[in-house]
């Protein structure tokens, strides 16, 4: 029992390293905020549909590049 309790901190650190919860959380927060920015530009700044489509496509490519996969250690996340 005490060995199980003693190993829990190491297991938590290992899980955090593998699953990268904080970076995935930041990714999931950033994408909708950037889409909302694009939507505001369409609604209030009269952004043209072709330009909005192009920016959305660029956003999709960029966000895919920063996706944190299971077990990746050195991938960047902004």
N, C-alpha and C. Protein backbone atom coordinates (compact mmCIF):
# COMPACT_ATOMS: atom_id res chain seq x y z
N UNK A 1 0.82 -1.19 0.00
CA UNK A 1 0.00 0.00 0.00
C UNK A 1 0.87 1.25 0.00
N UNK A 2 1.86 1.31 0.88
CA UNK A 2 2.70 2.51 0.94
C UNK A 2 3.56 2.63 -0.33
N UNK A 3 3.93 1.52 -0.94
CA UNK A 3 4.69 1.57 -2.19
C UNK A 3 3.83 2.16 -3.31
N UNK A 4 2.55 1.85 -3.30
CA UNK A 4 1.63 2.41 -4.29
C UNK A 4 1.52 3.91 -4.11
N UNK A 5 1.34 4.35 -2.88
CA UNK A 5 1.24 5.78 -2.61
C UNK A 5 2.54 6.50 -2.93
N UNK A 6 3.66 5.88 -2.66
CA UNK A 6 4.95 6.49 -2.92
C UNK A 6 5.22 6.62 -4.42
N UNK A 7 4.65 5.75 -5.22
CA UNK A 7 4.89 5.80 -6.67
C UNK A 7 3.94 6.75 -7.40
N UNK A 8 2.91 7.23 -6.73
CA UNK A 8 1.93 8.10 -7.39
C UNK A 8 2.53 9.39 -7.93
N UNK A 9 3.37 10.12 -7.20
CA UNK A 9 3.93 11.35 -7.79
C UNK A 9 4.71 11.09 -9.08
N UNK A 10 5.47 10.02 -9.11
CA UNK A 10 6.22 9.69 -10.33
C UNK A 10 5.27 9.36 -11.48
N UNK A 11 4.20 8.66 -11.18
CA UNK A 11 3.22 8.31 -12.22
C UNK A 11 2.53 9.56 -12.75
N UNK A 12 2.23 10.50 -11.88
CA UNK A 12 1.58 11.74 -12.29
C UNK A 12 2.52 12.56 -13.18
N UNK A 13 3.78 12.67 -12.80
CA UNK A 13 4.75 13.39 -13.62
C UNK A 13 4.91 12.71 -14.98
N UNK A 14 4.98 11.41 -15.00
CA UNK A 14 5.12 10.68 -16.26
C UNK A 14 3.89 10.90 -17.15
N UNK A 15 2.71 10.86 -16.57
CA UNK A 15 1.48 11.08 -17.35
C UNK A 15 1.45 12.49 -17.90
N UNK A 16 1.86 13.47 -17.12
CA UNK A 16 1.88 14.86 -17.58
C UNK A 16 2.87 15.04 -18.72
N UNK A 17 3.98 14.34 -18.66
CA UNK A 17 4.99 14.43 -19.71
C UNK A 17 4.49 13.79 -21.00
N UNK A 18 3.82 12.68 -20.88
CA UNK A 18 3.34 11.96 -22.07
C UNK A 18 2.11 12.64 -22.67
N UNK A 19 1.14 12.99 -21.85
CA UNK A 19 -0.13 13.51 -22.36
C UNK A 19 -0.12 15.02 -22.59
N UNK A 20 0.77 15.76 -21.94
CA UNK A 20 0.95 17.20 -22.14
C UNK A 20 -0.35 17.98 -22.04
N UNK A 21 -1.04 17.83 -20.93
CA UNK A 21 -2.35 18.42 -20.73
C UNK A 21 -2.35 19.94 -20.88
N UNK A 22 -1.35 20.61 -20.32
CA UNK A 22 -1.33 22.06 -20.37
C UNK A 22 -1.19 22.59 -21.79
N UNK A 23 -0.37 21.96 -22.61
CA UNK A 23 -0.20 22.41 -23.99
C UNK A 23 -1.42 22.10 -24.85
N UNK A 24 -2.04 20.95 -24.61
CA UNK A 24 -3.27 20.64 -25.36
C UNK A 24 -4.38 21.60 -24.97
N UNK A 25 -4.45 21.93 -23.70
CA UNK A 25 -5.45 22.89 -23.23
C UNK A 25 -5.25 24.24 -23.91
N UNK A 26 -4.01 24.69 -24.00
CA UNK A 26 -3.72 25.97 -24.66
C UNK A 26 -4.11 25.90 -26.13
N UNK A 27 -3.85 24.77 -26.79
CA UNK A 27 -4.21 24.62 -28.20
C UNK A 27 -5.72 24.72 -28.36
N UNK A 28 -6.48 24.02 -27.52
CA UNK A 28 -7.94 24.04 -27.63
C UNK A 28 -8.52 25.41 -27.31
N UNK A 29 -7.82 26.22 -26.52
CA UNK A 29 -8.28 27.56 -26.21
C UNK A 29 -7.94 28.50 -27.37
N UNK A 30 -6.77 28.35 -27.95
CA UNK A 30 -6.29 29.28 -28.97
C UNK A 30 -7.09 29.18 -30.27
N UNK A 31 -7.41 28.00 -30.71
CA UNK A 31 -8.09 27.85 -32.00
C UNK A 31 -9.45 28.57 -32.04
N UNK A 32 -10.34 28.37 -31.08
CA UNK A 32 -11.62 29.11 -31.15
C UNK A 32 -11.44 30.62 -31.06
N UNK A 33 -10.46 31.07 -30.29
CA UNK A 33 -10.23 32.51 -30.18
C UNK A 33 -9.79 33.09 -31.52
N UNK A 34 -8.96 32.36 -32.23
CA UNK A 34 -8.52 32.84 -33.54
C UNK A 34 -9.65 32.79 -34.57
N UNK A 35 -10.53 31.81 -34.45
CA UNK A 35 -11.69 31.75 -35.34
C UNK A 35 -12.66 32.88 -35.03
N UNK A 36 -12.83 33.21 -33.75
CA UNK A 36 -13.68 34.33 -33.37
C UNK A 36 -13.13 35.64 -33.92
N UNK A 37 -11.81 35.80 -33.92
CA UNK A 37 -11.18 36.99 -34.48
C UNK A 37 -11.50 37.10 -35.96
N UNK A 38 -11.42 36.00 -36.65
CA UNK A 38 -11.74 35.97 -38.07
C UNK A 38 -13.22 36.29 -38.30
N UNK A 39 -14.08 35.76 -37.49
CA UNK A 39 -15.52 36.03 -37.61
C UNK A 39 -15.83 37.51 -37.38
N UNK A 40 -15.17 38.12 -36.40
CA UNK A 40 -15.37 39.56 -36.16
C UNK A 40 -14.91 40.38 -37.36
N UNK A 41 -13.81 39.97 -37.99
CA UNK A 41 -13.33 40.69 -39.18
C UNK A 41 -14.35 40.59 -40.31
N UNK A 42 -15.00 39.45 -40.43
CA UNK A 42 -16.02 39.27 -41.47
C UNK A 42 -17.24 40.15 -41.15
N UNK A 43 -17.68 40.12 -39.91
CA UNK A 43 -18.90 40.86 -39.52
C UNK A 43 -18.71 42.37 -39.48
N UNK A 44 -17.64 42.82 -38.87
CA UNK A 44 -17.51 44.24 -38.55
C UNK A 44 -16.49 45.00 -39.39
N UNK A 45 -15.63 44.29 -40.10
CA UNK A 45 -14.63 44.97 -40.92
C UNK A 45 -14.84 44.67 -42.40
N UNK A 46 -15.93 44.06 -42.73
CA UNK A 46 -16.30 43.74 -44.11
C UNK A 46 -15.22 42.97 -44.86
N UNK A 47 -14.65 41.98 -44.19
CA UNK A 47 -13.66 41.13 -44.85
C UNK A 47 -14.36 40.33 -45.94
N UNK A 48 -13.75 40.26 -47.10
CA UNK A 48 -14.32 39.53 -48.23
C UNK A 48 -14.27 38.03 -47.95
N UNK A 49 -15.25 37.32 -48.49
CA UNK A 49 -15.35 35.88 -48.28
C UNK A 49 -14.12 35.13 -48.79
N UNK A 50 -13.60 35.44 -49.98
CA UNK A 50 -12.40 34.71 -50.43
C UNK A 50 -11.20 34.93 -49.49
N UNK A 51 -11.03 36.16 -49.00
CA UNK A 51 -9.93 36.43 -48.07
C UNK A 51 -10.14 35.68 -46.75
N UNK A 52 -11.38 35.66 -46.26
CA UNK A 52 -11.68 34.94 -45.03
C UNK A 52 -11.42 33.44 -45.20
N UNK A 53 -11.80 32.92 -46.34
CA UNK A 53 -11.57 31.50 -46.61
C UNK A 53 -10.08 31.18 -46.64
N UNK A 54 -9.32 32.05 -47.26
CA UNK A 54 -7.87 31.85 -47.32
C UNK A 54 -7.25 31.91 -45.92
N UNK A 55 -7.66 32.87 -45.12
CA UNK A 55 -7.12 32.97 -43.76
C UNK A 55 -7.54 31.78 -42.90
N UNK A 56 -8.77 31.30 -43.10
CA UNK A 56 -9.21 30.14 -42.34
C UNK A 56 -8.39 28.91 -42.72
N UNK A 57 -8.12 28.75 -44.00
CA UNK A 57 -7.29 27.62 -44.45
C UNK A 57 -5.89 27.70 -43.86
N UNK A 58 -5.32 28.89 -43.83
CA UNK A 58 -4.00 29.07 -43.22
C UNK A 58 -4.04 28.75 -41.73
N UNK A 59 -5.11 29.16 -41.07
CA UNK A 59 -5.28 28.87 -39.65
C UNK A 59 -5.33 27.37 -39.39
N UNK A 60 -6.08 26.66 -40.23
CA UNK A 60 -6.17 25.20 -40.08
C UNK A 60 -4.81 24.53 -40.24
N UNK A 61 -4.05 24.95 -41.23
CA UNK A 61 -2.73 24.37 -41.45
C UNK A 61 -1.81 24.67 -40.27
N UNK A 62 -1.83 25.92 -39.82
CA UNK A 62 -0.97 26.31 -38.70
C UNK A 62 -1.34 25.58 -37.41
N UNK A 63 -2.63 25.48 -37.13
CA UNK A 63 -3.05 24.80 -35.90
C UNK A 63 -2.70 23.31 -35.95
N UNK A 64 -2.80 22.71 -37.12
CA UNK A 64 -2.42 21.30 -37.25
C UNK A 64 -0.94 21.12 -36.97
N UNK A 65 -0.14 22.07 -37.41
CA UNK A 65 1.30 22.01 -37.19
C UNK A 65 1.64 22.03 -35.69
N UNK A 66 0.83 22.74 -34.90
CA UNK A 66 1.11 22.87 -33.48
C UNK A 66 0.36 21.87 -32.60
N UNK A 67 -0.37 20.94 -33.21
CA UNK A 67 -1.08 19.93 -32.43
C UNK A 67 -0.08 19.08 -31.68
N UNK A 68 -0.31 18.85 -30.42
CA UNK A 68 0.56 18.06 -29.56
C UNK A 68 0.05 16.62 -29.57
N UNK A 69 0.82 15.73 -30.16
CA UNK A 69 0.44 14.33 -30.22
C UNK A 69 0.89 13.59 -28.96
N UNK A 70 0.31 12.46 -28.75
CA UNK A 70 0.67 11.63 -27.61
C UNK A 70 2.14 11.25 -27.68
N UNK A 71 2.87 11.57 -26.63
CA UNK A 71 4.25 11.16 -26.52
C UNK A 71 5.27 12.05 -27.20
N UNK A 72 4.82 13.10 -27.91
CA UNK A 72 5.82 13.99 -28.52
C UNK A 72 6.39 14.89 -27.45
N UNK A 73 7.68 15.06 -27.49
CA UNK A 73 8.33 15.81 -26.41
C UNK A 73 8.73 17.21 -26.85
N UNK A 74 9.28 17.39 -28.01
CA UNK A 74 9.84 18.68 -28.38
C UNK A 74 9.02 19.45 -29.39
N UNK A 75 7.74 19.16 -29.51
CA UNK A 75 6.92 19.93 -30.43
C UNK A 75 6.51 21.23 -29.80
N UNK A 76 6.52 22.26 -30.59
CA UNK A 76 6.23 23.58 -30.09
C UNK A 76 4.73 23.78 -29.91
N UNK A 77 4.38 24.56 -28.89
CA UNK A 77 2.99 24.92 -28.67
C UNK A 77 2.93 26.36 -28.22
N UNK A 78 2.17 27.19 -28.93
CA UNK A 78 2.04 28.60 -28.55
C UNK A 78 0.67 28.88 -28.00
